[in-house]
């Protein structure tokens, strides 16, 4: 587990707000010179704290439909779970797949371009994966909170 100090937190907070910031701008924002800033940045990347940099796309502007699916499997057999996860990882419409406790097995965040694609995914794709016994779907009509990044002060080790 990575231990973050105050400078690491400041770096990550700045990068979460603007992932395109240069090393020089980042070093100024956190109050250190560029060479140690770059070393810290490389450390955070190499140790998996920073998983990548990307542009956040607004699905609603594209007219996409976002769906939350609660999927139950008929078994906790490792082979069934492995096969399910392999199929889900190969389904481009599935943006996120989370294992959950509390009676349900997986929570999926799915995006489709229209209701025909929604019907196809939920009729021909996910239900036909070996072990799937139940799917409950929720169509997202509005997002009231969409957080960029994580609250890093929770992880300060100082």
C-alpha atoms as a PDB file:
ATOM      1  CA  UNK A   1       0.000   0.000   0.000  1.00  0.00           C
ATOM      2  CA  UNK A   2       1.374   3.396  -0.991  1.00  0.00           C
ATOM      3  CA  UNK A   3       2.048   5.944   1.725  1.00  0.00           C
ATOM      4  CA  UNK A   4       1.353   9.507   0.656  1.00  0.00           C
ATOM      5  CA  UNK A   5       2.817  12.633   2.198  1.00  0.00           C
ATOM      6  CA  UNK A   6       1.483  16.182   1.923  1.00  0.00           C
ATOM      7  CA  UNK A   7       3.336  16.899  -1.329  1.00  0.00           C
ATOM      8  CA  UNK A   8       2.073  13.669  -2.926  1.00  0.00           C
ATOM      9  CA  UNK A   9      -1.482  14.634  -1.953  1.00  0.00           C
ATOM     10  CA  UNK A  10      -1.062  18.115  -3.449  1.00  0.00           C
ATOM     11  CA  UNK A  11       0.376  16.646  -6.650  1.00  0.00           C
ATOM     12  CA  UNK A  12      -2.473  14.197  -7.041  1.00  0.00           C
ATOM     13  CA  UNK A  13      -5.129  16.820  -6.244  1.00  0.00           C
ATOM     14  CA  UNK A  14      -3.680  19.113  -8.913  1.00  0.00           C
ATOM     15  CA  UNK A  15      -3.455  16.323 -11.476  1.00  0.00           C
ATOM     16  CA  UNK A  16      -7.038  15.244 -10.769  1.00  0.00           C
ATOM     17  CA  UNK A  17      -8.145  18.783 -11.607  1.00  0.00           C
ATOM     18  CA  UNK A  18      -5.901  19.069 -14.666  1.00  0.00           C
ATOM     19  CA  UNK A  19      -4.186  15.920 -15.935  1.00  0.00           C
ATOM     20  CA  UNK A  20      -2.586  17.911 -18.767  1.00  0.00           C
ATOM     21  CA  UNK A  21      -0.553  20.119 -16.449  1.00  0.00           C
ATOM     22  CA  UNK A  22       3.160  20.267 -17.214  1.00  0.00           C
ATOM     23  CA  UNK A  23       5.751  19.142 -14.694  1.00  0.00           C
ATOM     24  CA  UNK A  24       6.912  22.760 -14.325  1.00  0.00           C
ATOM     25  CA  UNK A  25       3.366  23.946 -13.525  1.00  0.00           C
ATOM     26  CA  UNK A  26       2.841  21.002 -11.173  1.00  0.00           C
ATOM     27  CA  UNK A  27       6.097  21.691  -9.331  1.00  0.00           C
ATOM     28  CA  UNK A  28       5.096  25.362  -8.870  1.00  0.00           C
ATOM     29  CA  UNK A  29       1.653  24.344  -7.597  1.00  0.00           C
ATOM     30  CA  UNK A  30       3.103  22.038  -4.930  1.00  0.00           C
ATOM     31  CA  UNK A  31       6.104  24.189  -4.008  1.00  0.00           C
ATOM     32  CA  UNK A  32       9.030  22.007  -5.087  1.00  0.00           C
ATOM     33  CA  UNK A  33      11.465  22.216  -8.005  1.00  0.00           C
ATOM     34  CA  UNK A  34      10.780  20.304 -11.241  1.00  0.00           C
ATOM     35  CA  UNK A  35      13.361  17.449 -10.863  1.00  0.00           C
ATOM     36  CA  UNK A  36      12.042  16.099  -7.516  1.00  0.00           C
ATOM     37  CA  UNK A  37       8.497  16.696  -8.730  1.00  0.00           C
ATOM     38  CA  UNK A  38       9.159  14.508 -11.767  1.00  0.00           C
ATOM     39  CA  UNK A  39      10.771  11.804  -9.585  1.00  0.00           C
ATOM     40  CA  UNK A  40       7.722  11.783  -7.302  1.00  0.00           C
ATOM     41  CA  UNK A  41       5.398  11.669 -10.297  1.00  0.00           C
ATOM     42  CA  UNK A  42       7.253   8.693 -11.792  1.00  0.00           C
ATOM     43  CA  UNK A  43       7.139   6.948  -8.405  1.00  0.00           C
ATOM     44  CA  UNK A  44       3.357   7.460  -8.186  1.00  0.00           C
ATOM     45  CA  UNK A  45       2.932   6.122 -11.730  1.00  0.00           C
ATOM     46  CA  UNK A  46       5.257   3.129 -11.295  1.00  0.00           C
ATOM     47  CA  UNK A  47       3.593   2.114  -8.030  1.00  0.00           C
ATOM     48  CA  UNK A  48       0.104   2.224  -9.482  1.00  0.00           C
ATOM     49  CA  UNK A  49      -1.195   5.215  -7.542  1.00  0.00           C
ATOM     50  CA  UNK A  50      -1.697   7.005 -10.874  1.00  0.00           C
ATOM     51  CA  UNK A  51      -3.347   4.526 -13.216  1.00  0.00           C
ATOM     52  CA  UNK A  52      -3.428   6.796 -16.258  1.00  0.00           C
ATOM     53  CA  UNK A  53      -4.441  10.107 -17.776  1.00  0.00           C
ATOM     54  CA  UNK A  54      -7.553  10.561 -19.852  1.00  0.00           C
ATOM     55  CA  UNK A  55     -10.213  12.953 -21.067  1.00  0.00           C
ATOM     56  CA  UNK A  56     -13.512  12.626 -19.234  1.00  0.00           C
ATOM     57  CA  UNK A  57     -16.291  12.281 -21.811  1.00  0.00           C
ATOM     58  CA  UNK A  58     -19.809  13.477 -20.998  1.00  0.00           C
ATOM     59  CA  UNK A  59     -22.031  10.560 -22.045  1.00  0.00           C
ATOM     60  CA  UNK A  60     -25.191  12.681 -21.965  1.00  0.00           C
ATOM     61  CA  UNK A  61     -23.778  15.064 -24.597  1.00  0.00           C
ATOM     62  CA  UNK A  62     -23.289  12.041 -26.863  1.00  0.00           C
ATOM     63  CA  UNK A  63     -26.880  10.937 -26.259  1.00  0.00           C
ATOM     64  CA  UNK A  64     -25.722   7.705 -24.613  1.00  0.00           C
ATOM     65  CA  UNK A  65     -27.814   5.738 -22.151  1.00  0.00           C
ATOM     66  CA  UNK A  66     -26.137   4.653 -18.936  1.00  0.00           C
ATOM     67  CA  UNK A  67     -27.428   1.561 -17.153  1.00  0.00           C
ATOM     68  CA  UNK A  68     -26.580   0.067 -13.776  1.00  0.00           C
ATOM     69  CA  UNK A  69     -26.987  -3.726 -13.751  1.00  0.00           C
ATOM     70  CA  UNK A  70     -27.052  -5.905 -10.664  1.00  0.00           C
ATOM     71  CA  UNK A  71     -26.049  -9.402 -11.773  1.00  0.00           C
ATOM     72  CA  UNK A  72     -26.468 -12.570  -9.716  1.00  0.00           C
ATOM     73  CA  UNK A  73     -24.650 -15.798 -10.511  1.00  0.00           C
ATOM     74  CA  UNK A  74     -25.927 -19.264  -9.679  1.00  0.00           C
ATOM     75  CA  UNK A  75     -22.675 -20.280  -8.013  1.00  0.00           C
ATOM     76  CA  UNK A  76     -19.578 -18.921  -6.333  1.00  0.00           C
ATOM     77  CA  UNK A  77     -17.550 -21.544  -8.182  1.00  0.00           C
ATOM     78  CA  UNK A  78     -14.256 -19.970  -9.300  1.00  0.00           C
ATOM     79  CA  UNK A  79     -14.606 -21.337 -12.842  1.00  0.00           C
ATOM     80  CA  UNK A  80     -18.046 -19.719 -13.263  1.00  0.00           C
ATOM     81  CA  UNK A  81     -16.780 -16.408 -11.845  1.00  0.00           C
ATOM     82  CA  UNK A  82     -13.676 -16.525 -14.058  1.00  0.00           C
ATOM     83  CA  UNK A  83     -15.779 -17.215 -17.185  1.00  0.00           C
ATOM     84  CA  UNK A  84     -18.227 -14.439 -16.263  1.00  0.00           C
ATOM     85  CA  UNK A  85     -15.435 -11.896 -15.732  1.00  0.00           C
ATOM     86  CA  UNK A  86     -13.712 -12.907 -18.975  1.00  0.00           C
ATOM     87  CA  UNK A  87     -16.938 -12.331 -20.932  1.00  0.00           C
ATOM     88  CA  UNK A  88     -17.628  -9.025 -19.157  1.00  0.00           C
ATOM     89  CA  UNK A  89     -14.084  -7.757 -19.809  1.00  0.00           C
ATOM     90  CA  UNK A  90     -14.637  -8.468 -23.510  1.00  0.00           C
ATOM     91  CA  UNK A  91     -17.949  -6.590 -23.614  1.00  0.00           C
ATOM     92  CA  UNK A  92     -17.088  -3.032 -24.646  1.00  0.00           C
ATOM     93  CA  UNK A  93     -20.393  -1.646 -23.373  1.00  0.00           C
ATOM     94  CA  UNK A  94     -19.460  -2.565 -19.795  1.00  0.00           C
ATOM     95  CA  UNK A  95     -17.511   0.379 -18.367  1.00  0.00           C
ATOM     96  CA  UNK A  96     -17.153  -0.892 -14.805  1.00  0.00           C
ATOM     97  CA  UNK A  97     -17.612  -4.257 -13.103  1.00  0.00           C
ATOM     98  CA  UNK A  98     -17.499  -4.387  -9.334  1.00  0.00           C
ATOM     99  CA  UNK A  99     -17.720  -7.426  -7.063  1.00  0.00           C
ATOM    100  CA  UNK A 100     -20.101  -6.761  -4.198  1.00  0.00           C
ATOM    101  CA  UNK A 101     -21.039  -8.236  -0.844  1.00  0.00           C
ATOM    102  CA  UNK A 102     -24.576  -8.281   0.448  1.00  0.00           C
ATOM    103  CA  UNK A 103     -26.441 -10.886  -1.559  1.00  0.00           C
ATOM    104  CA  UNK A 104     -25.629  -9.812  -5.110  1.00  0.00           C
ATOM    105  CA  UNK A 105     -22.532 -10.785  -6.984  1.00  0.00           C
ATOM    106  CA  UNK A 106     -21.630  -7.990  -9.417  1.00  0.00           C
ATOM    107  CA  UNK A 107     -22.592  -4.415 -10.173  1.00  0.00           C
ATOM    108  CA  UNK A 108     -22.021  -3.317 -13.757  1.00  0.00           C
ATOM    109  CA  UNK A 109     -22.048   0.157 -15.267  1.00  0.00           C
ATOM    110  CA  UNK A 110     -23.048  -0.208 -18.889  1.00  0.00           C
ATOM    111  CA  UNK A 111     -23.308   2.378 -21.672  1.00  0.00           C
ATOM    112  CA  UNK A 112     -25.357   1.967 -24.852  1.00  0.00           C
ATOM    113  CA  UNK A 113     -26.032   4.293 -27.770  1.00  0.00           C
ATOM    114  CA  UNK A 114     -29.782   3.655 -27.874  1.00  0.00           C
ATOM    115  CA  UNK A 115     -32.582   1.418 -26.605  1.00  0.00           C
ATOM    116  CA  UNK A 116     -32.043  -1.164 -29.384  1.00  0.00           C
ATOM    117  CA  UNK A 117     -28.492  -1.698 -28.190  1.00  0.00           C
ATOM    118  CA  UNK A 118     -29.753  -1.764 -24.577  1.00  0.00           C
ATOM    119  CA  UNK A 119     -32.221  -4.509 -25.527  1.00  0.00           C
ATOM    120  CA  UNK A 120     -29.527  -6.481 -27.358  1.00  0.00           C
ATOM    121  CA  UNK A 121     -27.037  -6.324 -24.486  1.00  0.00           C
ATOM    122  CA  UNK A 122     -29.668  -7.328 -21.935  1.00  0.00           C
ATOM    123  CA  UNK A 123     -31.318  -9.977 -24.091  1.00  0.00           C
ATOM    124  CA  UNK A 124     -28.496 -11.533 -26.091  1.00  0.00           C
ATOM    125  CA  UNK A 125     -25.283 -10.784 -24.244  1.00  0.00           C
ATOM    126  CA  UNK A 126     -25.185 -10.673 -20.447  1.00  0.00           C
ATOM    127  CA  UNK A 127     -28.031 -13.176 -19.793  1.00  0.00           C
ATOM    128  CA  UNK A 128     -26.304 -15.751 -21.998  1.00  0.00           C
ATOM    129  CA  UNK A 129     -23.107 -15.758 -19.964  1.00  0.00           C
ATOM    130  CA  UNK A 130     -22.753 -19.076 -18.160  1.00  0.00           C
ATOM    131  CA  UNK A 131     -23.897 -18.828 -14.540  1.00  0.00           C
ATOM    132  CA  UNK A 132     -25.978 -15.652 -14.818  1.00  0.00           C
ATOM    133  CA  UNK A 133     -29.316 -16.232 -13.100  1.00  0.00           C
ATOM    134  CA  UNK A 134     -30.692 -12.753 -12.545  1.00  0.00           C
ATOM    135  CA  UNK A 135     -30.140  -9.235 -13.866  1.00  0.00           C
ATOM    136  CA  UNK A 136     -31.771  -6.179 -12.395  1.00  0.00           C
ATOM    137  CA  UNK A 137     -31.333  -2.988 -14.403  1.00  0.00           C
ATOM    138  CA  UNK A 138     -31.578   0.676 -13.562  1.00  0.00           C
ATOM    139  CA  UNK A 139     -31.501   3.261 -16.346  1.00  0.00           C
ATOM    140  CA  UNK A 140     -29.710   6.398 -15.195  1.00  0.00           C
ATOM    141  CA  UNK A 141     -31.869   9.424 -16.002  1.00  0.00           C
ATOM    142  CA  UNK A 142     -29.772  12.088 -14.276  1.00  0.00           C
ATOM    143  CA  UNK A 143     -26.492  12.229 -12.403  1.00  0.00           C
ATOM    144  CA  UNK A 144     -26.523  14.518  -9.376  1.00  0.00           C
ATOM    145  CA  UNK A 145     -22.941  13.937  -8.298  1.00  0.00           C
ATOM    146  CA  UNK A 146     -20.101  12.984 -10.597  1.00  0.00           C
ATOM    147  CA  UNK A 147     -16.854  13.320  -8.712  1.00  0.00           C
ATOM    148  CA  UNK A 148     -13.607  13.915 -10.534  1.00  0.00           C
ATOM    149  CA  UNK A 149     -10.943  12.006  -8.668  1.00  0.00           C
ATOM    150  CA  UNK A 150     -10.907  10.730  -5.116  1.00  0.00           C
ATOM    151  CA  UNK A 151     -10.761  12.585  -1.760  1.00  0.00           C
ATOM    152  CA  UNK A 152      -7.035  12.160  -1.255  1.00  0.00           C
ATOM    153  CA  UNK A 153      -6.879  13.698   2.208  1.00  0.00           C
ATOM    154  CA  UNK A 154      -8.409  10.440   3.445  1.00  0.00           C
ATOM    155  CA  UNK A 155      -5.138   8.696   2.554  1.00  0.00           C
ATOM    156  CA  UNK A 156      -2.615  11.106   4.005  1.00  0.00           C
ATOM    157  CA  UNK A 157      -0.112   9.065   6.002  1.00  0.00           C
ATOM    158  CA  UNK A 158       1.378  12.005   7.886  1.00  0.00           C
END
